Amino acid sequence: MPEGWGAQLMRGNLDRLVEGAARAGDLAQTTFSASFGAPLEAGPDQALALLVRCIGRHLLLGQRAEEELRAVGAAVGSGFTRVGFCSHGEVAPDCRSGLAMLQNQTTAVTLLAEGS
């Protein structure tokens, strides 16, 4: 690393990673339910749960990576077809400043369904 450059070290706690993913699923389900006025009653052929998680999480979790997927699945419920993939980070607003910036080591859950 060149002299004068900065670095930020990261460390992970596997249990907290899984818990955080479950909280993301819970928040997505809560927001979705509030938008539709009730929990989803449509079948999985009519609604989609999209999970995008950073490859760093997957690598850190190793054999426990599937545990994270199950936690999100349990949080969003069975009314969704579930699809997911890994990314190398995402550009999204920072929760403090609101400015778009590279987010890393993230899990993003998006729920989609046709409104009635």
PDB file of N, CA and C in Angstrom:
ATOM      1  N   MET A   1       0.859  -1.163   0.000  1.00  0.00           N
ATOM      2  CA  MET A   1       0.000   0.000   0.000  1.00  0.00           C
ATOM      3  C   MET A   1       0.909   1.231   0.000  1.00  0.00           C
ATOM      4  N   PRO A   2       0.637   2.166  -0.885  1.00  0.00           N
ATOM      5  CA  PRO A   2       1.483   3.359  -0.962  1.00  0.00           C
ATOM      6  C   PRO A   2       1.450   4.179   0.325  1.00  0.00           C
ATOM      7  N   GLU A   3       2.563   4.799   0.634  1.00  0.00           N
ATOM      8  CA  GLU A   3       2.666   5.632   1.826  1.00  0.00           C
ATOM      9  C   GLU A   3       1.684   6.786   1.737  1.00  0.00           C
ATOM     10  N   GLY A   4       0.997   7.067   2.850  1.00  0.00           N
ATOM     11  CA  GLY A   4       0.051   8.165   2.913  1.00  0.00           C
ATOM     12  C   GLY A   4      -1.378   7.780   2.544  1.00  0.00           C
ATOM     13  N   TRP A   5      -1.585   6.599   2.027  1.00  0.00           N
ATOM     14  CA  TRP A   5      -2.935   6.147   1.681  1.00  0.00           C
ATOM     15  C   TRP A   5      -3.622   5.635   2.931  1.00  0.00           C
ATOM     16  N   GLY A   6      -4.931   5.638   2.916  1.00  0.00           N
ATOM     17  CA  GLY A   6      -5.706   5.130   4.044  1.00  0.00           C
ATOM     18  C   GLY A   6      -6.340   3.789   3.706  1.00  0.00           C
ATOM     19  N   ALA A   7      -6.642   3.044   4.720  1.00  0.00           N
ATOM     20  CA  ALA A   7      -7.317   1.754   4.549  1.00  0.00           C
ATOM     21  C   ALA A   7      -8.336   1.589   5.676  1.00  0.00           C
ATOM     22  N   GLN A   8      -9.389   0.883   5.374  1.00  0.00           N
ATOM     23  CA  GLN A   8     -10.397   0.587   6.385  1.00  0.00           C
ATOM     24  C   GLN A   8     -10.487  -0.931   6.488  1.00  0.00           C
ATOM     25  N   LEU A   9     -10.222  -1.439   7.660  1.00  0.00           N
ATOM     26  CA  LEU A   9     -10.286  -2.871   7.871  1.00  0.00           C
ATOM     27  C   LEU A   9     -11.689  -3.257   8.308  1.00  0.00           C
ATOM     28  N   MET A  10     -12.123  -4.423   7.862  1.00  0.00           N
ATOM     29  CA  MET A  10     -13.449  -4.903   8.218  1.00  0.00           C
ATOM     30  C   MET A  10     -13.301  -6.243   8.922  1.00  0.00           C
ATOM     31  N   ARG A  11     -14.192  -6.488   9.828  1.00  0.00           N
ATOM     32  CA  ARG A  11     -14.241  -7.800  10.447  1.00  0.00           C
ATOM     33  C   ARG A  11     -15.701  -8.187  10.558  1.00  0.00           C
ATOM     34  N   GLY A  12     -15.943  -9.462  10.545  1.00  0.00           N
ATOM     35  CA  GLY A  12     -17.327  -9.900  10.536  1.00  0.00           C
ATOM     36  C   GLY A  12     -17.645 -10.852  11.666  1.00  0.00           C
ATOM     37  N   ASN A  13     -18.880 -10.818  12.071  1.00  0.00           N
ATOM     38  CA  ASN A  13     -19.408 -11.750  13.049  1.00  0.00           C
ATOM     39  C   ASN A  13     -20.504 -12.529  12.322  1.00  0.00           C
ATOM     40  N   LEU A  14     -20.334 -13.825  12.174  1.00  0.00           N
ATOM     41  CA  LEU A  14     -21.235 -14.615  11.345  1.00  0.00           C
ATOM     42  C   LEU A  14     -22.675 -14.554  11.833  1.00  0.00           C
ATOM     43  N   ASP A  15     -22.879 -14.628  13.137  1.00  0.00           N
ATOM     44  CA  ASP A  15     -24.245 -14.558  13.669  1.00  0.00           C
ATOM     45  C   ASP A  15     -24.887 -13.213  13.352  1.00  0.00           C
ATOM     46  N   ARG A  16     -24.112 -12.131  13.479  1.00  0.00           N
ATOM     47  CA  ARG A  16     -24.663 -10.801  13.202  1.00  0.00           C
ATOM     48  C   ARG A  16     -24.960 -10.612  11.721  1.00  0.00           C
ATOM     49  N   LEU A  17     -24.190 -11.242  10.852  1.00  0.00           N
ATOM     50  CA  LEU A  17     -24.482 -11.163   9.422  1.00  0.00           C
ATOM     51  C   LEU A  17     -25.820 -11.816   9.108  1.00  0.00           C
ATOM     52  N   VAL A  18     -26.047 -12.998   9.663  1.00  0.00           N
ATOM     53  CA  VAL A  18     -27.309 -13.710   9.440  1.00  0.00           C
ATOM     54  C   VAL A  18     -28.469 -12.920  10.046  1.00  0.00           C
ATOM     55  N   GLU A  19     -28.294 -12.406  11.260  1.00  0.00           N
ATOM     56  CA  GLU A  19     -29.345 -11.610  11.912  1.00  0.00           C
ATOM     57  C   GLU A  19     -29.659 -10.350  11.108  1.00  0.00           C
ATOM     58  N   GLY A  20     -28.639  -9.718  10.577  1.00  0.00           N
ATOM     59  CA  GLY A  20     -28.847  -8.509   9.773  1.00  0.00           C
ATOM     60  C   GLY A  20     -29.623  -8.799   8.503  1.00  0.00           C
ATOM     61  N   ALA A  21     -29.339  -9.917   7.860  1.00  0.00           N
ATOM     62  CA  ALA A  21     -30.082 -10.300   6.661  1.00  0.00           C
ATOM     63  C   ALA A  21     -31.542 -10.568   7.005  1.00  0.00           C
ATOM     64  N   ALA A  22     -31.788 -11.228   8.132  1.00  0.00           N
ATOM     65  CA  ALA A  22     -33.166 -11.480   8.566  1.00  0.00           C
ATOM     66  C   ALA A  22     -33.887 -10.166   8.851  1.00  0.00           C
ATOM     67  N   ARG A  23     -33.186  -9.191   9.450  1.00  0.00           N
ATOM     68  CA  ARG A  23     -33.800  -7.879   9.702  1.00  0.00           C
ATOM     69  C   ARG A  23     -34.140  -7.179   8.389  1.00  0.00           C
ATOM     70  N   ALA A  24     -33.276  -7.325   7.375  1.00  0.00           N
ATOM     71  CA  ALA A  24     -33.562  -6.737   6.060  1.00  0.00           C
ATOM     72  C   ALA A  24     -34.821  -7.355   5.468  1.00  0.00           C
ATOM     73  N   GLY A  25     -34.972  -8.667   5.607  1.00  0.00           N
ATOM     74  CA  GLY A  25     -36.188  -9.331   5.137  1.00  0.00           C
ATOM     75  C   GLY A  25     -37.419  -8.874   5.895  1.00  0.00           C
ATOM     76  N   ASP A  26     -37.291  -8.747   7.216  1.00  0.00           N
ATOM     77  CA  ASP A  26     -38.402  -8.254   8.043  1.00  0.00           C
ATOM     78  C   ASP A  26     -38.817  -6.845   7.628  1.00  0.00           C
ATOM     79  N   LEU A  27     -37.834  -5.978   7.435  1.00  0.00           N
ATOM     80  CA  LEU A  27     -38.119  -4.593   7.045  1.00  0.00           C
ATOM     81  C   LEU A  27     -38.791  -4.547   5.678  1.00  0.00           C
ATOM     82  N   ALA A  28     -38.305  -5.355   4.741  1.00  0.00           N
ATOM     83  CA  ALA A  28     -38.924  -5.387   3.413  1.00  0.00           C
ATOM     84  C   ALA A  28     -40.368  -5.864   3.514  1.00  0.00           C
ATOM     85  N   GLN A  29     -40.618  -6.895   4.309  1.00  0.00           N
ATOM     86  CA  GLN A  29     -41.974  -7.428   4.460  1.00  0.00           C
ATOM     87  C   GLN A  29     -42.890  -6.409   5.152  1.00  0.00           C
ATOM     88  N   THR A  30     -42.383  -5.745   6.171  1.00  0.00           N
ATOM     89  CA  THR A  30     -43.169  -4.731   6.881  1.00  0.00           C
ATOM     90  C   THR A  30     -43.538  -3.578   5.948  1.00  0.00           C
ATOM     91  N   THR A  31     -42.565  -3.099   5.184  1.00  0.00           N
ATOM     92  CA  THR A  31     -42.802  -2.005   4.241  1.00  0.00           C
ATOM     93  C   THR A  31     -43.777  -2.433   3.155  1.00  0.00           C
ATOM     94  N   PHE A  32     -43.588  -3.639   2.645  1.00  0.00           N
ATOM     95  CA  PHE A  32     -44.465  -4.174   1.610  1.00  0.00           C
ATOM     96  C   PHE A  32     -45.901  -4.285   2.126  1.00  0.00           C
ATOM     97  N   SER A  33     -46.057  -4.850   3.311  1.00  0.00           N
ATOM     98  CA  SER A  33     -47.391  -5.025   3.896  1.00  0.00           C
ATOM     99  C   SER A  33     -48.072  -3.679   4.139  1.00  0.00           C
ATOM    100  N   ALA A  34     -47.291  -2.685   4.590  1.00  0.00           N
ATOM    101  CA  ALA A  34     -47.853  -1.355   4.825  1.00  0.00           C
ATOM    102  C   ALA A  34     -48.323  -0.725   3.512  1.00  0.00           C
ATOM    103  N   SER A  35     -47.604  -0.981   2.432  1.00  0.00           N
ATOM    104  CA  SER A  35     -47.972  -0.423   1.130  1.00  0.00           C
ATOM    105  C   SER A  35     -49.246  -1.048   0.589  1.00  0.00           C
ATOM    106  N   PHE A  36     -49.419  -2.351   0.841  1.00  0.00           N
ATOM    107  CA  PHE A  36     -50.584  -3.054   0.322  1.00  0.00           C
ATOM    108  C   PHE A  36     -51.707  -3.143   1.347  1.00  0.00           C
ATOM    109  N   GLY A  37     -51.459  -2.692   2.573  1.00  0.00           N
ATOM    110  CA  GLY A  37     -52.489  -2.687   3.595  1.00  0.00           C
ATOM    111  C   GLY A  37     -52.658  -4.003   4.315  1.00  0.00           C
ATOM    112  N   ALA A  38     -51.958  -5.040   3.882  1.00  0.00           N
ATOM    113  CA  ALA A  38     -52.065  -6.355   4.522  1.00  0.00           C
ATOM    114  C   ALA A  38     -50.917  -7.216   4.019  1.00  0.00           C
ATOM    115  N   PRO A  39     -50.604  -8.285   4.717  1.00  0.00           N
ATOM    116  CA  PRO A  39     -49.588  -9.212   4.209  1.00  0.00           C
ATOM    117  C   PRO A  39     -50.018  -9.779   2.862  1.00  0.00           C
ATOM    118  N   LEU A  40     -49.048 -10.188   2.086  1.00  0.00           N
ATOM    119  CA  LEU A  40     -49.306 -10.724   0.756  1.00  0.00           C
ATOM    120  C   LEU A  40     -50.149 -11.985   0.834  1.00  0.00           C
ATOM    121  N   GLU A  41     -51.216 -12.019   0.044  1.00  0.00           N
ATOM    122  CA  GLU A  41     -52.056 -13.212  -0.021  1.00  0.00           C
ATOM    123  C   GLU A  41     -51.945 -13.888  -1.377  1.00  0.00           C
ATOM    124  N   ALA A  42     -51.261 -13.257  -2.325  1.00  0.00           N
ATOM    125  CA  ALA A  42     -51.092 -13.849  -3.649  1.00  0.00           C
ATOM    126  C   ALA A  42     -50.140 -15.042  -3.558  1.00  0.00           C
ATOM    127  N   GLY A  43     -50.192 -15.863  -4.581  1.00  0.00           N
ATOM    128  CA  GLY A  43     -49.290 -17.010  -4.628  1.00  0.00           C
ATOM    129  C   GLY A  43     -47.924 -16.603  -5.123  1.00  0.00           C
ATOM    130  N   PRO A  44     -46.935 -17.502  -4.988  1.00  0.00           N
ATOM    131  CA  PRO A  44     -45.565 -17.180  -5.396  1.00  0.00           C
ATOM    132  C   PRO A  44     -45.420 -16.908  -6.887  1.00  0.00           C
ATOM    133  N   ASP A  45     -46.411 -17.312  -7.701  1.00  0.00           N
ATOM    134  CA  ASP A  45     -46.322 -17.031  -9.129  1.00  0.00           C
ATOM    135  C   ASP A  45     -46.700 -15.583  -9.445  1.00  0.00           C
ATOM    136  N   GLN A  46     -47.113 -14.819  -8.440  1.00  0.00           N
ATOM    137  CA  GLN A  46     -47.554 -13.446  -8.652  1.00  0.00           C
ATOM    138  C   GLN A  46     -46.709 -12.423  -7.902  1.00  0.00           C
ATOM    139  N   ALA A  47     -45.693 -12.871  -7.181  1.00  0.00           N
ATOM    140  CA  ALA A  47     -44.867 -11.941  -6.402  1.00  0.00           C
ATOM    141  C   ALA A  47     -43.420 -12.432  -6.395  1.00  0.00           C
ATOM    142  N   LEU A  48     -42.501 -11.488  -6.291  1.00  0.00           N
ATOM    143  CA  LEU A  48     -41.080 -11.807  -6.380  1.00  0.00           C
ATOM    144  C   LEU A  48     -40.316 -11.203  -5.209  1.00  0.00           C
ATOM    145  N   ALA A  49     -39.461 -11.983  -4.586  1.00  0.00           N
ATOM    146  CA  ALA A  49     -38.519 -11.493  -3.581  1.00  0.00           C
ATOM    147  C   ALA A  49     -37.131 -11.562  -4.217  1.00  0.00           C
ATOM    148  N   LEU A  50     -36.486 -10.412  -4.344  1.00  0.00           N
ATOM    149  CA  LEU A  50     -35.172 -10.329  -4.963  1.00  0.00           C
ATOM    150  C   LEU A  50     -34.134 -10.033  -3.883  1.00  0.00           C
ATOM    151  N   LEU A  51     -33.177 -10.910  -3.727  1.00  0.00           N
ATOM    152  CA  LEU A  51     -32.112 -10.748  -2.735  1.00  0.00           C
ATOM    153  C   LEU A  51     -30.802 -10.522  -3.471  1.00  0.00           C
ATOM    154  N   VAL A  52     -30.154  -9.411  -3.187  1.00  0.00           N
ATOM    155  CA  VAL A  52     -28.834  -9.110  -3.736  1.00  0.00           C
ATOM    156  C   VAL A  52     -27.891  -8.968  -2.554  1.00  0.00           C
ATOM    157  N   ARG A  53     -26.882  -9.786  -2.522  1.00  0.00           N
ATOM    158  CA  ARG A  53     -25.933  -9.697  -1.408  1.00  0.00           C
ATOM    159  C   ARG A  53     -24.521  -9.647  -1.951  1.00  0.00           C
ATOM    160  N   CYS A  54     -23.674  -8.981  -1.214  1.00  0.00           N
ATOM    161  CA  CYS A  54     -22.293  -8.799  -1.620  1.00  0.00           C
ATOM    162  C   CYS A  54     -21.551 -10.133  -1.547  1.00  0.00           C
ATOM    163  N   ILE A  55     -20.713 -10.363  -2.521  1.00  0.00           N
ATOM    164  CA  ILE A  55     -19.939 -11.602  -2.572  1.00  0.00           C
ATOM    165  C   ILE A  55     -19.056 -11.739  -1.325  1.00  0.00           C
ATOM    166  N   GLY A  56     -18.657 -10.624  -0.745  1.00  0.00           N
ATOM    167  CA  GLY A  56     -17.844 -10.672   0.474  1.00  0.00           C
ATOM    168  C   GLY A  56     -18.575 -11.353   1.622  1.00  0.00           C
ATOM    169  N   ARG A  57     -19.875 -11.115   1.735  1.00  0.00           N
ATOM    170  CA  ARG A  57     -20.687 -11.780   2.764  1.00  0.00           C
ATOM    171  C   ARG A  57     -20.685 -13.279   2.512  1.00  0.00           C
ATOM    172  N   HIS A  58     -20.887 -13.641   1.249  1.00  0.00           N
ATOM    173  CA  HIS A  58     -20.940 -15.058   0.884  1.00  0.00           C
ATOM    174  C   HIS A  58     -19.612 -15.743   1.222  1.00  0.00           C
ATOM    175  N   LEU A  59     -18.522 -15.095   0.885  1.00  0.00           N
ATOM    176  CA  LEU A  59     -17.207 -15.683   1.153  1.00  0.00           C
ATOM    177  C   LEU A  59     -16.931 -15.777   2.654  1.00  0.00           C
ATOM    178  N   LEU A  60     -17.312 -14.755   3.398  1.00  0.00           N
ATOM    179  CA  LEU A  60     -17.090 -14.758   4.838  1.00  0.00           C
ATOM    180  C   LEU A  60     -17.936 -15.824   5.530  1.00  0.00           C
ATOM    181  N   LEU A  61     -19.192 -15.956   5.097  1.00  0.00           N
ATOM    182  CA  LEU A  61     -20.081 -16.935   5.717  1.00  0.00           C
ATOM    183  C   LEU A  61     -19.705 -18.374   5.359  1.00  0.00           C
ATOM    184  N   GLY A  62     -19.118 -18.573   4.202  1.00  0.00           N
ATOM    185  CA  GLY A  62     -18.705 -19.922   3.807  1.00  0.00           C
ATOM    186  C   GLY A  62     -19.873 -20.888   3.823  1.00  0.00           C
ATOM    187  N   GLN A  63     -19.745 -21.962   4.582  1.00  0.00           N
ATOM    188  CA  GLN A  63     -20.781 -22.990   4.634  1.00  0.00           C
ATOM    189  C   GLN A  63     -22.069 -22.477   5.290  1.00  0.00           C
ATOM    190  N   ARG A  64     -22.000 -21.361   5.996  1.00  0.00           N
ATOM    191  CA  ARG A  64     -23.203 -20.803   6.640  1.00  0.00           C
ATOM    192  C   ARG A  64     -23.967 -19.852   5.718  1.00  0.00           C
ATOM    193  N   ALA A  65     -23.510 -19.700   4.468  1.00  0.00           N
ATOM    194  CA  ALA A  65     -24.169 -18.791   3.527  1.00  0.00           C
ATOM    195  C   ALA A  65     -25.626 -19.178   3.311  1.00  0.00           C
ATOM    196  N   GLU A  66     -25.914 -20.460   3.281  1.00  0.00           N
ATOM    197  CA  GLU A  66     -27.296 -20.899   3.096  1.00  0.00           C
ATOM    198  C   GLU A  66     -28.165 -20.506   4.294  1.00  0.00           C
ATOM    199  N   GLU A  67     -27.573 -20.425   5.462  1.00  0.00           N
ATOM    200  CA  GLU A  67     -28.314 -19.999   6.662  1.00  0.00           C
ATOM    201  C   GLU A  67     -28.849 -18.582   6.481  1.00  0.00           C
ATOM    202  N   GLU A  68     -28.052 -17.725   5.865  1.00  0.00           N
ATOM    203  CA  GLU A  68     -28.484 -16.354   5.605  1.00  0.00           C
ATOM    204  C   GLU A  68     -29.676 -16.345   4.647  1.00  0.00           C
ATOM    205  N   LEU A  69     -29.624 -17.168   3.624  1.00  0.00           N
ATOM    206  CA  LEU A  69     -30.726 -17.246   2.662  1.00  0.00           C
ATOM    207  C   LEU A  69     -32.003 -17.752   3.322  1.00  0.00           C
ATOM    208  N   ARG A  70     -31.872 -18.761   4.168  1.00  0.00           N
ATOM    209  CA  ARG A  70     -33.053 -19.287   4.875  1.00  0.00           C
ATOM    210  C   ARG A  70     -33.646 -18.227   5.804  1.00  0.00           C
ATOM    211  N   ALA A  71     -32.797 -17.438   6.452  1.00  0.00           N
ATOM    212  CA  ALA A  71     -33.277 -16.393   7.371  1.00  0.00           C
ATOM    213  C   ALA A  71     -34.079 -15.344   6.613  1.00  0.00           C
ATOM    214  N   VAL A  72     -33.605 -14.935   5.453  1.00  0.00           N
ATOM    215  CA  VAL A  72     -34.347 -13.951   4.651  1.00  0.00           C
ATOM    216  C   VAL A  72     -35.648 -14.572   4.150  1.00  0.00           C
ATOM    217  N   GLY A  73     -35.590 -15.821   3.689  1.00  0.00           N
ATOM    218  CA  GLY A  73     -36.791 -16.503   3.218  1.00  0.00           C
ATOM    219  C   GLY A  73     -37.861 -16.595   4.289  1.00  0.00           C
ATOM    220  N   ALA A  74     -37.455 -16.920   5.501  1.00  0.00           N
ATOM    221  CA  ALA A  74     -38.410 -17.007   6.614  1.00  0.00           C
ATOM    222  C   ALA A  74     -39.006 -15.639   6.918  1.00  0.00           C
ATOM    223  N   ALA A  75     -38.206 -14.589   6.787  1.00  0.00           N
ATOM    224  CA  ALA A  75     -38.677 -13.239   7.098  1.00  0.00           C
ATOM    225  C   ALA A  75     -39.694 -12.746   6.069  1.00  0.00           C
ATOM    226  N   VAL A  76     -39.475 -13.025   4.789  1.00  0.00           N
ATOM    227  CA  VAL A  76     -40.385 -12.500   3.767  1.00  0.00           C
ATOM    228  C   VAL A  76     -41.616 -13.387   3.596  1.00  0.00           C
ATOM    229  N   GLY A  77     -41.542 -14.632   3.991  1.00  0.00           N
ATOM    230  CA  GLY A  77     -42.693 -15.527   3.909  1.00  0.00           C
ATOM    231  C   GLY A  77     -42.730 -16.330   2.623  1.00  0.00           C
ATOM    232  N   SER A  78     -43.702 -17.209   2.545  1.00  0.00           N
ATOM    233  CA  SER A  78     -43.776 -18.155   1.436  1.00  0.00           C
ATOM    234  C   SER A  78     -44.545 -17.630   0.234  1.00  0.00           C
ATOM    235  N   GLY A  79     -45.077 -16.426   0.289  1.00  0.00           N
ATOM    236  CA  GLY A  79     -45.879 -15.892  -0.806  1.00  0.00           C
ATOM    237  C   GLY A  79     -45.077 -15.353  -1.967  1.00  0.00           C
ATOM    238  N   PHE A  80     -43.769 -15.541  -1.953  1.00  0.00           N
ATOM    239  CA  PHE A  80     -42.908 -14.953  -2.980  1.00  0.00           C
ATOM    240  C   PHE A  80     -42.064 -16.019  -3.672  1.00  0.00           C
ATOM    241  N   THR A  81     -41.914 -15.888  -4.987  1.00  0.00           N
ATOM    242  CA  THR A  81     -40.864 -16.616  -5.683  1.00  0.00           C
ATOM    243  C   THR A  81     -39.576 -15.919  -5.294  1.00  0.00           C
ATOM    244  N   ARG A  82     -38.582 -16.658  -4.884  1.00  0.00           N
ATOM    245  CA  ARG A  82     -37.335 -16.059  -4.395  1.00  0.00           C
ATOM    246  C   ARG A  82     -36.230 -16.214  -5.427  1.00  0.00           C
ATOM    247  N   VAL A  83     -35.567 -15.092  -5.710  1.00  0.00           N
ATOM    248  CA  VAL A  83     -34.472 -15.049  -6.664  1.00  0.00           C
ATOM    249  C   VAL A  83     -33.366 -14.232  -6.023  1.00  0.00           C
ATOM    250  N   GLY A  84     -32.130 -14.634  -6.254  1.00  0.00           N
ATOM    251  CA  GLY A  84     -31.039 -13.863  -5.685  1.00  0.00           C
ATOM    252  C   GLY A  84     -29.751 -14.020  -6.460  1.00  0.00           C
ATOM    253  N   PHE A  85     -28.852 -13.096  -6.212  1.00  0.00           N
ATOM    254  CA  PHE A  85     -27.524 -13.184  -6.793  1.00  0.00           C
ATOM    255  C   PHE A  85     -26.552 -12.387  -5.949  1.00  0.00           C
ATOM    256  N   CYS A  86     -25.279 -12.592  -6.237  1.00  0.00           N
ATOM    257  CA  CYS A  86     -24.215 -11.884  -5.514  1.00  0.00           C
ATOM    258  C   CYS A  86     -23.730 -10.712  -6.353  1.00  0.00           C
ATOM    259  N   SER A  87     -23.303  -9.668  -5.681  1.00  0.00           N
ATOM    260  CA  SER A  87     -22.763  -8.482  -6.343  1.00  0.00           C
ATOM    261  C   SER A  87     -21.376  -8.192  -5.775  1.00  0.00           C
ATOM    262  N   HIS A  88     -20.736  -7.217  -6.344  1.00  0.00           N
ATOM    263  CA  HIS A  88     -19.450  -6.746  -5.811  1.00  0.00           C
ATOM    264  C   HIS A  88     -19.633  -5.376  -5.183  1.00  0.00           C
ATOM    265  N   GLY A  89     -20.757  -5.189  -4.518  1.00  0.00           N
ATOM    266  CA  GLY A  89     -21.104  -3.912  -3.912  1.00  0.00           C
ATOM    267  C   GLY A  89     -22.236  -3.283  -4.705  1.00  0.00           C
ATOM    268  N   GLU A  90     -22.781  -2.215  -4.173  1.00  0.00           N
ATOM    269  CA  GLU A  90     -23.873  -1.520  -4.846  1.00  0.00           C
ATOM    270  C   GLU A  90     -23.750  -0.035  -4.579  1.00  0.00           C
ATOM    271  N   VAL A  91     -24.273   0.762  -5.491  1.00  0.00           N
ATOM    272  CA  VAL A  91     -24.325   2.198  -5.294  1.00  0.00           C
ATOM    273  C   VAL A  91     -25.716   2.521  -4.767  1.00  0.00           C
ATOM    274  N   ALA A  92     -25.761   3.087  -3.574  1.00  0.00           N
ATOM    275  CA  ALA A  92     -27.026   3.399  -2.916  1.00  0.00           C
ATOM    276  C   ALA A  92     -26.811   4.574  -1.969  1.00  0.00           C
ATOM    277  N   PRO A  93     -27.903   5.228  -1.570  1.00  0.00           N
ATOM    278  CA  PRO A  93     -27.763   6.353  -0.636  1.00  0.00           C
ATOM    279  C   PRO A  93     -27.225   5.891   0.717  1.00  0.00           C
ATOM    280  N   ASP A  94     -26.339   6.694   1.272  1.00  0.00           N
ATOM    281  CA  ASP A  94     -25.842   6.468   2.627  1.00  0.00           C
ATOM    282  C   ASP A  94     -26.938   6.889   3.598  1.00  0.00           C
ATOM    283  N   CYS A  95     -27.188   6.084   4.626  1.00  0.00           N
ATOM    284  CA  CYS A  95     -28.306   6.378   5.539  1.00  0.00           C
ATOM    285  C   CYS A  95     -28.077   7.664   6.330  1.00  0.00           C
ATOM    286  N   ARG A  96     -26.848   8.081   6.520  1.00  0.00           N
ATOM    287  CA  ARG A  96     -26.592   9.309   7.300  1.00  0.00           C
ATOM    288  C   ARG A  96     -26.616  10.556   6.436  1.00  0.00           C
ATOM    289  N   SER A  97     -25.875  10.508   5.317  1.00  0.00           N
ATOM    290  CA  SER A  97     -25.739  11.715   4.493  1.00  0.00           C
ATOM    291  C   SER A  97     -26.765  11.791   3.376  1.00  0.00           C
ATOM    292  N   GLY A  98     -27.308  10.646   2.954  1.00  0.00           N
ATOM    293  CA  GLY A  98     -28.235  10.629   1.835  1.00  0.00           C
ATOM    294  C   GLY A  98     -27.543  10.656   0.486  1.00  0.00           C
ATOM    295  N   LEU A  99     -26.214  10.768   0.480  1.00  0.00           N
ATOM    296  CA  LEU A  99     -25.462  10.799  -0.771  1.00  0.00           C
ATOM    297  C   LEU A  99     -25.253   9.386  -1.289  1.00  0.00           C
ATOM    298  N   ALA A 100     -25.351   9.224  -2.612  1.00  0.00           N
ATOM    299  CA  ALA A 100     -25.105   7.918  -3.216  1.00  0.00           C
ATOM    300  C   ALA A 100     -23.618   7.595  -3.129  1.00  0.00           C
ATOM    301  N   MET A 101     -23.337   6.396  -2.672  1.00  0.00           N
ATOM    302  CA  MET A 101     -21.941   5.967  -2.562  1.00  0.00           C
ATOM    303  C   MET A 101     -21.875   4.446  -2.638  1.00  0.00           C
ATOM    304  N   LEU A 102     -20.682   3.913  -2.809  1.00  0.00           N
ATOM    305  CA  LEU A 102     -20.509   2.470  -2.876  1.00  0.00           C
ATOM    306  C   LEU A 102     -20.771   1.866  -1.504  1.00  0.00           C
ATOM    307  N   GLN A 103     -21.697   0.938  -1.457  1.00  0.00           N
ATOM    308  CA  GLN A 103     -21.984   0.174  -0.246  1.00  0.00           C
ATOM    309  C   GLN A 103     -21.399  -1.216  -0.454  1.00  0.00           C
ATOM    310  N   ASN A 104     -20.761  -1.740   0.547  1.00  0.00           N
ATOM    311  CA  ASN A 104     -20.108  -3.033   0.430  1.00  0.00           C
ATOM    312  C   ASN A 104     -20.536  -3.901   1.604  1.00  0.00           C
ATOM    313  N   GLN A 105     -20.460  -5.204   1.433  1.00  0.00           N
ATOM    314  CA  GLN A 105     -20.846  -6.166   2.473  1.00  0.00           C
ATOM    315  C   GLN A 105     -22.321  -6.026   2.828  1.00  0.00           C
ATOM    316  N   THR A 106     -23.157  -5.796   1.821  1.00  0.00           N
ATOM    317  CA  THR A 106     -24.573  -5.519   2.052  1.00  0.00           C
ATOM    318  C   THR A 106     -25.462  -6.692   1.650  1.00  0.00           C
ATOM    319  N   THR A 107     -26.663  -6.667   2.161  1.00  0.00           N
ATOM    320  CA  THR A 107     -27.752  -7.527   1.693  1.00  0.00           C
ATOM    321  C   THR A 107     -28.931  -6.598   1.419  1.00  0.00           C
ATOM    322  N   ALA A 108     -29.450  -6.658   0.199  1.00  0.00           N
ATOM    323  CA  ALA A 108     -30.600  -5.843  -0.177  1.00  0.00           C
ATOM    324  C   ALA A 108     -31.748  -6.775  -0.540  1.00  0.00           C
ATOM    325  N   VAL A 109     -32.911  -6.528   0.041  1.00  0.00           N
ATOM    326  CA  VAL A 109     -34.103  -7.332  -0.211  1.00  0.00           C
ATOM    327  C   VAL A 109     -35.155  -6.434  -0.839  1.00  0.00           C
ATOM    328  N   THR A 110     -35.661  -6.823  -2.000  1.00  0.00           N
ATOM    329  CA  THR A 110     -36.690  -6.073  -2.700  1.00  0.00           C
ATOM    330  C   THR A 110     -37.869  -7.014  -2.952  1.00  0.00           C
ATOM    331  N   LEU A 111     -39.062  -6.578  -2.573  1.00  0.00           N
ATOM    332  CA  LEU A 111     -40.268  -7.372  -2.794  1.00  0.00           C
ATOM    333  C   LEU A 111     -41.125  -6.686  -3.850  1.00  0.00           C
ATOM    334  N   LEU A 112     -41.557  -7.449  -4.841  1.00  0.00           N
ATOM    335  CA  LEU A 112     -42.328  -6.910  -5.950  1.00  0.00           C
ATOM    336  C   LEU A 112     -43.598  -7.729  -6.138  1.00  0.00           C
ATOM    337  N   ALA A 113     -44.708  -7.046  -6.392  1.00  0.00           N
ATOM    338  CA  ALA A 113     -45.971  -7.710  -6.714  1.00  0.00           C
ATOM    339  C   ALA A 113     -46.842  -6.714  -7.448  1.00  0.00           C
ATOM    340  N   GLU A 114     -47.743  -7.228  -8.230  1.00  0.00           N
ATOM    341  CA  GLU A 114     -48.671  -6.374  -8.944  1.00  0.00           C
ATOM    342  C   GLU A 114     -49.766  -5.925  -7.986  1.00  0.00           C
ATOM    343  N   GLY A 115     -50.056  -4.633  -7.978  1.00  0.00           N
ATOM    344  CA  GLY A 115     -51.100  -4.098  -7.108  1.00  0.00           C
ATOM    345  C   GLY A 115     -52.486  -4.397  -7.671  1.00  0.00           C
ATOM    346  N   SER A 116     -53.461  -4.417  -6.782  1.00  0.00           N
ATOM    347  CA  SER A 116     -54.827  -4.674  -7.250  1.00  0.00           C
ATOM    348  C   SER A 116     -55.634  -3.406  -7.330  1.00  0.00           C
TER     349      SER A 116
END
